[in-house]
């Protein structure tokens, strides 16, 4: 389980937002007519739907009291910046594309030269004059790398 890749994929052009454990689980955020968004879970060959914005005010009073009791008992030990940076460095970017139009021709022209200079293997930056705005991002990591980042501090 520690070697299974975790992949985060975002494509604003085709509205695909997903996170997956390769071969085990995939979660997609999708549009929904009534609940605004829903999360589709694919676990092996079974599909489940989860509605994170659904009204949960129908909980019993006992559940709400138990929840408050648990949250007050938990103590926060804090999260060090150094640890957070090591965890961020463990992630690898597979694809990164940005296509931007600011709506102002002068700013677009100034940014065009900068975008051309910073294009590299890590990402593709494009300034257009056609009104398109798009981000394509694919990031992967493995749980073992995250654990190593915690241990090797």
N, C-alpha and C. Protein backbone atom coordinates (compact mmCIF):
# COMPACT_ATOMS: atom_id res chain seq x y z
N UNK A 1 0.81 -1.21 0.00
CA UNK A 1 0.00 0.00 0.00
C UNK A 1 0.86 1.27 0.00
N UNK A 2 2.05 1.19 0.59
CA UNK A 2 2.88 2.37 0.68
C UNK A 2 3.49 2.78 -0.66
N UNK A 3 3.53 1.86 -1.62
CA UNK A 3 4.14 2.15 -2.92
C UNK A 3 3.12 2.52 -3.98
N UNK A 4 1.83 2.46 -3.67
CA UNK A 4 0.79 2.80 -4.65
C UNK A 4 0.81 4.30 -4.91
N UNK A 5 0.90 4.72 -6.17
CA UNK A 5 0.91 6.16 -6.46
C UNK A 5 -0.43 6.83 -6.14
N UNK A 6 -0.32 8.02 -5.59
CA UNK A 6 -1.49 8.87 -5.35
C UNK A 6 -1.41 9.98 -6.39
N UNK A 7 -2.47 10.12 -7.21
CA UNK A 7 -2.45 11.08 -8.31
C UNK A 7 -3.58 12.08 -8.13
N UNK A 8 -3.23 13.36 -8.20
CA UNK A 8 -4.20 14.46 -8.16
C UNK A 8 -4.23 15.05 -9.56
N UNK A 9 -5.44 15.15 -10.14
CA UNK A 9 -5.58 15.64 -11.50
C UNK A 9 -6.63 16.74 -11.53
N UNK A 10 -6.28 17.89 -12.10
CA UNK A 10 -7.20 19.03 -12.23
C UNK A 10 -7.13 19.52 -13.67
N UNK A 11 -8.30 19.59 -14.32
CA UNK A 11 -8.41 20.16 -15.66
C UNK A 11 -9.65 21.03 -15.69
N UNK A 12 -9.44 22.35 -15.68
CA UNK A 12 -10.58 23.27 -15.64
C UNK A 12 -11.29 23.38 -16.98
N UNK A 13 -10.64 22.98 -18.06
CA UNK A 13 -11.27 23.04 -19.38
C UNK A 13 -12.38 22.00 -19.51
N UNK A 14 -12.11 20.79 -19.07
CA UNK A 14 -13.12 19.72 -19.18
C UNK A 14 -13.79 19.43 -17.84
N UNK A 15 -13.54 20.26 -16.82
CA UNK A 15 -14.13 20.12 -15.48
C UNK A 15 -13.89 18.75 -14.87
N UNK A 16 -12.64 18.30 -14.91
CA UNK A 16 -12.27 17.05 -14.26
C UNK A 16 -11.40 17.38 -13.06
N UNK A 17 -11.87 16.97 -11.89
CA UNK A 17 -11.15 17.17 -10.65
C UNK A 17 -11.15 15.82 -9.94
N UNK A 18 -9.98 15.19 -9.82
CA UNK A 18 -9.97 13.85 -9.23
C UNK A 18 -8.70 13.60 -8.44
N UNK A 19 -8.83 12.64 -7.54
CA UNK A 19 -7.69 12.11 -6.80
C UNK A 19 -7.85 10.60 -6.83
N UNK A 20 -6.74 9.90 -7.04
CA UNK A 20 -6.86 8.46 -7.14
C UNK A 20 -5.67 7.74 -6.53
N UNK A 21 -5.96 6.59 -5.95
CA UNK A 21 -4.95 5.64 -5.55
C UNK A 21 -4.93 4.61 -6.67
N UNK A 22 -3.90 4.62 -7.45
CA UNK A 22 -3.82 3.84 -8.68
C UNK A 22 -4.23 2.38 -8.44
N UNK A 23 -5.28 1.95 -9.11
CA UNK A 23 -5.74 0.57 -9.04
C UNK A 23 -6.68 0.25 -7.90
N UNK A 24 -6.86 1.17 -6.93
CA UNK A 24 -7.72 0.88 -5.79
C UNK A 24 -8.95 1.78 -5.71
N UNK A 25 -8.73 3.06 -5.79
CA UNK A 25 -9.78 4.02 -5.47
C UNK A 25 -9.61 5.27 -6.32
N UNK A 26 -10.73 5.84 -6.75
CA UNK A 26 -10.70 7.10 -7.47
C UNK A 26 -11.89 7.93 -7.02
N UNK A 27 -11.65 9.20 -6.72
CA UNK A 27 -12.71 10.12 -6.31
C UNK A 27 -12.75 11.29 -7.28
N UNK A 28 -13.91 11.51 -7.88
CA UNK A 28 -14.12 12.62 -8.81
C UNK A 28 -15.10 13.61 -8.21
N UNK A 29 -14.84 14.88 -8.39
CA UNK A 29 -15.81 15.91 -8.01
C UNK A 29 -16.57 16.27 -9.27
N UNK A 30 -17.90 16.15 -9.21
CA UNK A 30 -18.75 16.37 -10.39
C UNK A 30 -19.82 17.40 -10.07
N UNK A 31 -20.36 18.02 -11.13
CA UNK A 31 -21.51 18.92 -10.99
C UNK A 31 -22.75 18.09 -10.70
N UNK A 32 -23.69 18.71 -9.96
CA UNK A 32 -24.97 18.07 -9.70
C UNK A 32 -26.05 19.13 -9.73
N UNK A 33 -27.21 18.80 -10.26
CA UNK A 33 -28.29 19.77 -10.42
C UNK A 33 -28.80 20.30 -9.09
N UNK A 34 -29.07 19.40 -8.15
CA UNK A 34 -29.71 19.81 -6.91
C UNK A 34 -28.73 20.17 -5.79
N UNK A 35 -27.64 19.44 -5.67
CA UNK A 35 -26.73 19.60 -4.55
C UNK A 35 -25.45 20.38 -4.92
N UNK A 36 -25.39 20.97 -6.08
CA UNK A 36 -24.26 21.74 -6.62
C UNK A 36 -23.11 20.82 -7.01
N UNK A 37 -22.52 20.11 -6.04
CA UNK A 37 -21.46 19.16 -6.38
C UNK A 37 -21.73 17.82 -5.71
N UNK A 38 -21.11 16.79 -6.27
CA UNK A 38 -21.13 15.47 -5.64
C UNK A 38 -19.79 14.82 -5.89
N UNK A 39 -19.46 13.89 -5.01
CA UNK A 39 -18.21 13.16 -5.15
C UNK A 39 -18.54 11.74 -5.55
N UNK A 40 -17.94 11.31 -6.64
CA UNK A 40 -18.15 9.95 -7.13
C UNK A 40 -16.93 9.13 -6.73
N UNK A 41 -17.16 8.08 -5.93
CA UNK A 41 -16.10 7.19 -5.51
C UNK A 41 -16.14 5.92 -6.32
N UNK A 42 -15.05 5.56 -6.95
CA UNK A 42 -14.92 4.29 -7.64
C UNK A 42 -13.97 3.44 -6.82
N UNK A 43 -14.51 2.42 -6.18
CA UNK A 43 -13.69 1.50 -5.41
C UNK A 43 -13.76 0.15 -6.10
N UNK A 44 -12.65 -0.26 -6.67
CA UNK A 44 -12.57 -1.43 -7.54
C UNK A 44 -13.59 -1.25 -8.66
N UNK A 45 -14.68 -2.02 -8.66
CA UNK A 45 -15.66 -1.91 -9.74
C UNK A 45 -17.00 -1.37 -9.24
N UNK A 46 -17.05 -0.85 -8.03
CA UNK A 46 -18.29 -0.32 -7.47
C UNK A 46 -18.23 1.20 -7.44
N UNK A 47 -19.37 1.84 -7.71
CA UNK A 47 -19.48 3.29 -7.68
C UNK A 47 -20.36 3.73 -6.52
N UNK A 48 -19.91 4.74 -5.80
CA UNK A 48 -20.67 5.32 -4.70
C UNK A 48 -20.70 6.83 -4.90
N UNK A 49 -21.80 7.46 -4.47
CA UNK A 49 -21.92 8.91 -4.58
C UNK A 49 -22.04 9.51 -3.19
N UNK A 50 -21.36 10.62 -2.99
CA UNK A 50 -21.33 11.32 -1.71
C UNK A 50 -21.62 12.79 -1.98
N UNK A 51 -22.49 13.40 -1.19
CA UNK A 51 -22.87 14.79 -1.37
C UNK A 51 -22.34 15.61 -0.19
N UNK A 52 -21.19 16.27 -0.34
CA UNK A 52 -20.56 16.96 0.80
C UNK A 52 -21.30 18.21 1.25
N UNK A 53 -22.09 18.84 0.39
CA UNK A 53 -22.79 20.07 0.76
C UNK A 53 -24.24 19.83 1.19
N UNK A 54 -24.62 18.58 1.33
CA UNK A 54 -25.98 18.25 1.70
C UNK A 54 -26.27 18.72 3.13
N UNK A 55 -27.48 19.19 3.35
CA UNK A 55 -27.89 19.70 4.66
C UNK A 55 -27.83 18.58 5.69
N UNK A 56 -27.01 18.79 6.70
CA UNK A 56 -26.84 17.77 7.74
C UNK A 56 -27.48 18.22 9.06
N UNK A 57 -28.45 19.10 9.01
CA UNK A 57 -29.07 19.60 10.23
C UNK A 57 -30.00 18.58 10.86
N UNK A 58 -30.18 17.44 10.23
CA UNK A 58 -31.07 16.42 10.76
C UNK A 58 -30.36 15.50 11.75
N UNK A 59 -29.12 15.80 12.10
CA UNK A 59 -28.41 15.00 13.09
C UNK A 59 -29.12 15.09 14.43
N UNK A 60 -28.97 14.05 15.20
CA UNK A 60 -29.58 14.06 16.52
C UNK A 60 -28.78 14.97 17.46
N UNK A 61 -29.42 15.39 18.52
CA UNK A 61 -28.77 16.28 19.49
C UNK A 61 -27.60 15.56 20.14
N UNK A 62 -27.76 14.25 20.39
CA UNK A 62 -26.69 13.47 21.01
C UNK A 62 -25.44 13.44 20.12
N UNK A 63 -25.60 13.31 18.81
CA UNK A 63 -24.46 13.31 17.90
C UNK A 63 -23.71 14.64 17.96
N UNK A 64 -24.45 15.75 17.99
CA UNK A 64 -23.82 17.07 18.05
C UNK A 64 -23.08 17.28 19.37
N UNK A 65 -23.63 16.82 20.48
CA UNK A 65 -22.97 16.94 21.78
C UNK A 65 -21.70 16.09 21.80
N UNK A 66 -21.78 14.86 21.30
CA UNK A 66 -20.61 13.98 21.26
C UNK A 66 -19.51 14.59 20.39
N UNK A 67 -19.88 15.19 19.30
CA UNK A 67 -18.92 15.82 18.40
C UNK A 67 -18.18 16.97 19.08
N UNK A 68 -18.92 17.81 19.81
CA UNK A 68 -18.31 18.94 20.51
C UNK A 68 -17.37 18.45 21.61
N UNK A 69 -17.76 17.37 22.28
CA UNK A 69 -16.93 16.82 23.35
C UNK A 69 -15.60 16.30 22.78
N UNK A 70 -15.65 15.62 21.67
CA UNK A 70 -14.44 15.08 21.05
C UNK A 70 -13.53 16.21 20.59
N UNK A 71 -14.11 17.25 19.97
CA UNK A 71 -13.28 18.34 19.45
C UNK A 71 -12.61 19.13 20.57
N UNK A 72 -13.22 19.24 21.75
CA UNK A 72 -12.59 19.97 22.84
C UNK A 72 -11.51 19.14 23.52
N UNK A 73 -11.60 17.80 23.42
CA UNK A 73 -10.60 16.95 24.06
C UNK A 73 -9.33 16.84 23.23
N UNK A 74 -9.42 17.05 21.92
CA UNK A 74 -8.25 16.93 21.07
C UNK A 74 -7.37 18.16 21.24
N UNK A 75 -6.07 17.91 21.37
CA UNK A 75 -5.12 19.01 21.53
C UNK A 75 -4.29 19.12 20.27
N UNK A 76 -4.11 20.33 19.81
CA UNK A 76 -3.31 20.57 18.62
C UNK A 76 -1.84 20.72 19.02
N UNK A 77 -0.97 19.93 18.39
CA UNK A 77 0.45 20.01 18.68
C UNK A 77 1.16 20.98 17.75
N UNK A 78 0.46 21.48 16.76
CA UNK A 78 1.06 22.43 15.83
C UNK A 78 1.73 21.73 14.67
N UNK A 79 1.87 22.42 13.58
CA UNK A 79 2.47 21.88 12.36
C UNK A 79 3.61 22.79 11.99
N UNK A 80 4.81 22.25 12.01
CA UNK A 80 5.98 23.07 11.72
C UNK A 80 6.10 23.34 10.23
N UNK A 81 6.59 24.51 9.91
CA UNK A 81 6.77 24.92 8.52
C UNK A 81 7.78 24.04 7.80
N UNK A 82 8.82 23.66 8.50
CA UNK A 82 9.86 22.80 7.92
C UNK A 82 9.27 21.45 7.49
N UNK A 83 8.40 20.89 8.30
CA UNK A 83 7.75 19.62 7.97
C UNK A 83 6.86 19.79 6.75
N UNK A 84 6.10 20.87 6.71
CA UNK A 84 5.22 21.14 5.58
C UNK A 84 5.99 21.28 4.27
N UNK A 85 7.13 21.95 4.31
CA UNK A 85 7.94 22.12 3.11
C UNK A 85 8.53 20.79 2.64
N UNK A 86 8.95 19.94 3.58
CA UNK A 86 9.47 18.62 3.19
C UNK A 86 8.38 17.77 2.55
N UNK A 87 7.17 17.86 3.07
CA UNK A 87 6.06 17.10 2.48
C UNK A 87 5.76 17.64 1.09
N UNK A 88 5.75 18.96 0.91
CA UNK A 88 5.52 19.54 -0.41
C UNK A 88 6.58 19.12 -1.41
N UNK A 89 7.82 19.02 -0.98
CA UNK A 89 8.90 18.61 -1.88
C UNK A 89 8.78 17.15 -2.30
N UNK A 90 8.04 16.35 -1.55
CA UNK A 90 7.90 14.94 -1.91
C UNK A 90 6.93 14.74 -3.08
N UNK A 91 6.14 15.75 -3.41
CA UNK A 91 5.22 15.66 -4.54
C UNK A 91 5.95 15.93 -5.85
N UNK A 92 5.54 15.26 -6.90
CA UNK A 92 6.13 15.43 -8.23
C UNK A 92 5.06 15.91 -9.20
N UNK A 93 5.42 16.88 -10.02
CA UNK A 93 4.49 17.41 -11.02
C UNK A 93 4.72 16.69 -12.33
N UNK A 94 3.67 16.02 -12.84
CA UNK A 94 3.76 15.33 -14.12
C UNK A 94 3.40 16.26 -15.27
N UNK A 95 2.29 16.99 -15.13
CA UNK A 95 1.85 17.94 -16.15
C UNK A 95 1.44 19.23 -15.47
N UNK A 96 1.78 20.34 -16.11
CA UNK A 96 1.37 21.64 -15.60
C UNK A 96 1.25 22.58 -16.79
N UNK A 97 0.02 22.95 -17.11
CA UNK A 97 -0.22 23.87 -18.22
C UNK A 97 -1.15 24.97 -17.75
N UNK A 98 -0.81 26.18 -18.13
CA UNK A 98 -1.66 27.33 -17.83
C UNK A 98 -1.89 28.10 -19.13
N UNK A 99 -3.15 28.40 -19.41
CA UNK A 99 -3.54 29.19 -20.57
C UNK A 99 -4.39 30.33 -20.04
N UNK A 100 -3.90 31.56 -20.15
CA UNK A 100 -4.54 32.70 -19.48
C UNK A 100 -4.81 33.84 -20.44
N UNK A 101 -5.95 34.49 -20.24
CA UNK A 101 -6.25 35.76 -20.88
C UNK A 101 -6.76 36.69 -19.78
N UNK A 102 -6.05 37.78 -19.53
CA UNK A 102 -6.43 38.70 -18.46
C UNK A 102 -7.58 39.62 -18.86
N UNK A 103 -7.84 39.72 -20.15
CA UNK A 103 -8.88 40.62 -20.62
C UNK A 103 -8.34 41.99 -20.99
N UNK A 104 -7.10 42.26 -20.67
CA UNK A 104 -6.45 43.53 -20.99
C UNK A 104 -5.30 43.24 -21.96
N UNK A 105 -5.37 43.82 -23.16
CA UNK A 105 -4.37 43.54 -24.19
C UNK A 105 -2.96 43.97 -23.79
N UNK A 106 -2.85 45.04 -23.07
CA UNK A 106 -1.53 45.55 -22.67
C UNK A 106 -0.88 44.59 -21.66
N UNK A 107 -1.63 44.17 -20.67
CA UNK A 107 -1.09 43.23 -19.68
C UNK A 107 -0.77 41.90 -20.35
N UNK A 108 -1.64 41.44 -21.24
CA UNK A 108 -1.37 40.19 -21.97
C UNK A 108 -0.07 40.29 -22.76
N UNK A 109 0.16 41.41 -23.42
CA UNK A 109 1.38 41.59 -24.21
C UNK A 109 2.62 41.57 -23.32
N UNK A 110 2.54 42.19 -22.14
CA UNK A 110 3.67 42.18 -21.21
C UNK A 110 3.93 40.77 -20.67
N UNK A 111 2.87 40.05 -20.38
CA UNK A 111 3.00 38.70 -19.83
C UNK A 111 3.43 37.68 -20.89
N UNK A 112 3.18 37.98 -22.14
CA UNK A 112 3.51 37.05 -23.22
C UNK A 112 5.00 36.73 -23.26
N UNK A 113 5.82 37.74 -23.13
CA UNK A 113 7.27 37.55 -23.15
C UNK A 113 7.75 36.76 -21.92
N UNK A 114 7.18 37.06 -20.79
CA UNK A 114 7.56 36.35 -19.56
C UNK A 114 7.16 34.88 -19.66
N UNK A 115 5.96 34.62 -20.15
CA UNK A 115 5.50 33.23 -20.30
C UNK A 115 6.38 32.46 -21.26
N UNK A 116 6.83 33.10 -22.31
CA UNK A 116 7.70 32.45 -23.28
C UNK A 116 9.05 32.09 -22.65
N UNK A 117 9.55 32.93 -21.76
CA UNK A 117 10.84 32.69 -21.11
C UNK A 117 10.77 31.57 -20.07
N UNK A 118 9.65 31.46 -19.36
CA UNK A 118 9.59 30.46 -18.28
C UNK A 118 9.04 29.12 -18.72
N UNK A 119 8.69 28.96 -19.99
CA UNK A 119 8.29 27.64 -20.47
C UNK A 119 9.45 26.68 -20.31
N UNK A 120 9.17 25.52 -19.74
CA UNK A 120 10.22 24.54 -19.50
C UNK A 120 9.61 23.15 -19.46
N UNK A 121 10.40 22.18 -19.02
CA UNK A 121 9.89 20.82 -18.88
C UNK A 121 8.87 20.71 -17.76
N UNK A 122 8.98 21.58 -16.77
CA UNK A 122 8.06 21.53 -15.63
C UNK A 122 6.67 22.03 -15.97
N UNK A 123 6.55 22.91 -16.93
CA UNK A 123 5.24 23.44 -17.24
C UNK A 123 5.19 24.16 -18.56
N UNK A 124 3.95 24.37 -19.00
CA UNK A 124 3.72 25.08 -20.25
C UNK A 124 2.84 26.28 -19.92
N UNK A 125 3.34 27.46 -20.20
CA UNK A 125 2.63 28.69 -19.90
C UNK A 125 2.28 29.38 -21.20
N UNK A 126 1.02 29.78 -21.34
CA UNK A 126 0.57 30.38 -22.57
C UNK A 126 -0.33 31.57 -22.25
N UNK A 127 -0.10 32.66 -22.93
CA UNK A 127 -0.96 33.84 -22.82
C UNK A 127 -1.70 33.96 -24.14
N UNK A 128 -3.02 34.03 -24.06
CA UNK A 128 -3.80 34.14 -25.30
C UNK A 128 -4.60 35.43 -25.28
N UNK A 129 -5.13 35.78 -26.41
CA UNK A 129 -5.95 36.99 -26.55
C UNK A 129 -7.37 36.62 -26.97
N UNK A 130 -7.80 35.40 -26.62
CA UNK A 130 -9.09 34.86 -27.07
C UNK A 130 -10.08 34.62 -25.94
N UNK A 131 -9.74 34.98 -24.71
CA UNK A 131 -10.67 34.82 -23.60
C UNK A 131 -10.64 33.45 -22.94
N UNK A 132 -9.66 32.60 -23.25
CA UNK A 132 -9.58 31.26 -22.65
C UNK A 132 -8.77 31.33 -21.37
N UNK A 133 -9.27 30.66 -20.34
CA UNK A 133 -8.54 30.48 -19.09
C UNK A 133 -8.61 29.00 -18.75
N UNK A 134 -7.44 28.38 -18.58
CA UNK A 134 -7.40 26.95 -18.35
C UNK A 134 -6.19 26.60 -17.49
N UNK A 135 -6.40 25.65 -16.60
CA UNK A 135 -5.30 25.08 -15.82
C UNK A 135 -5.39 23.57 -15.95
N UNK A 136 -4.28 22.95 -16.25
CA UNK A 136 -4.16 21.50 -16.29
C UNK A 136 -3.02 21.14 -15.36
N UNK A 137 -3.32 20.33 -14.34
CA UNK A 137 -2.34 20.00 -13.33
C UNK A 137 -2.45 18.53 -12.98
N UNK A 138 -1.34 17.84 -13.02
CA UNK A 138 -1.28 16.44 -12.63
C UNK A 138 -0.10 16.26 -11.70
N UNK A 139 -0.39 15.87 -10.46
CA UNK A 139 0.62 15.72 -9.42
C UNK A 139 0.55 14.29 -8.89
N UNK A 140 1.70 13.71 -8.59
CA UNK A 140 1.67 12.38 -7.97
C UNK A 140 2.63 12.32 -6.79
N UNK A 141 2.36 11.36 -5.94
CA UNK A 141 3.18 11.10 -4.78
C UNK A 141 2.93 9.65 -4.36
N UNK A 142 3.71 9.17 -3.46
CA UNK A 142 3.50 7.85 -2.87
C UNK A 142 3.48 8.02 -1.36
N UNK A 143 2.61 7.27 -0.68
CA UNK A 143 2.52 7.42 0.78
C UNK A 143 3.87 7.22 1.49
N UNK A 144 4.72 6.37 0.96
CA UNK A 144 6.02 6.13 1.59
C UNK A 144 6.87 7.40 1.58
N UNK A 145 6.75 8.22 0.53
CA UNK A 145 7.51 9.47 0.47
C UNK A 145 7.02 10.48 1.50
N UNK A 146 5.72 10.49 1.74
CA UNK A 146 5.17 11.39 2.76
C UNK A 146 5.62 10.97 4.15
N UNK A 147 5.62 9.67 4.40
CA UNK A 147 6.08 9.16 5.70
C UNK A 147 7.57 9.47 5.89
N UNK A 148 8.35 9.30 4.84
CA UNK A 148 9.78 9.61 4.93
C UNK A 148 10.01 11.09 5.23
N UNK A 149 9.16 11.95 4.69
CA UNK A 149 9.28 13.39 4.96
C UNK A 149 9.05 13.68 6.43
N UNK A 150 8.12 12.97 7.08
CA UNK A 150 7.90 13.14 8.51
C UNK A 150 9.07 12.60 9.34
N UNK A 151 9.60 11.46 8.93
CA UNK A 151 10.65 10.81 9.70
C UNK A 151 11.98 11.53 9.57
N UNK A 152 12.32 11.97 8.38
CA UNK A 152 13.64 12.57 8.12
C UNK A 152 13.69 14.06 8.40
N UNK A 153 13.15 14.49 9.49
CA UNK A 153 13.18 15.91 9.84
C UNK A 153 14.37 16.20 10.63
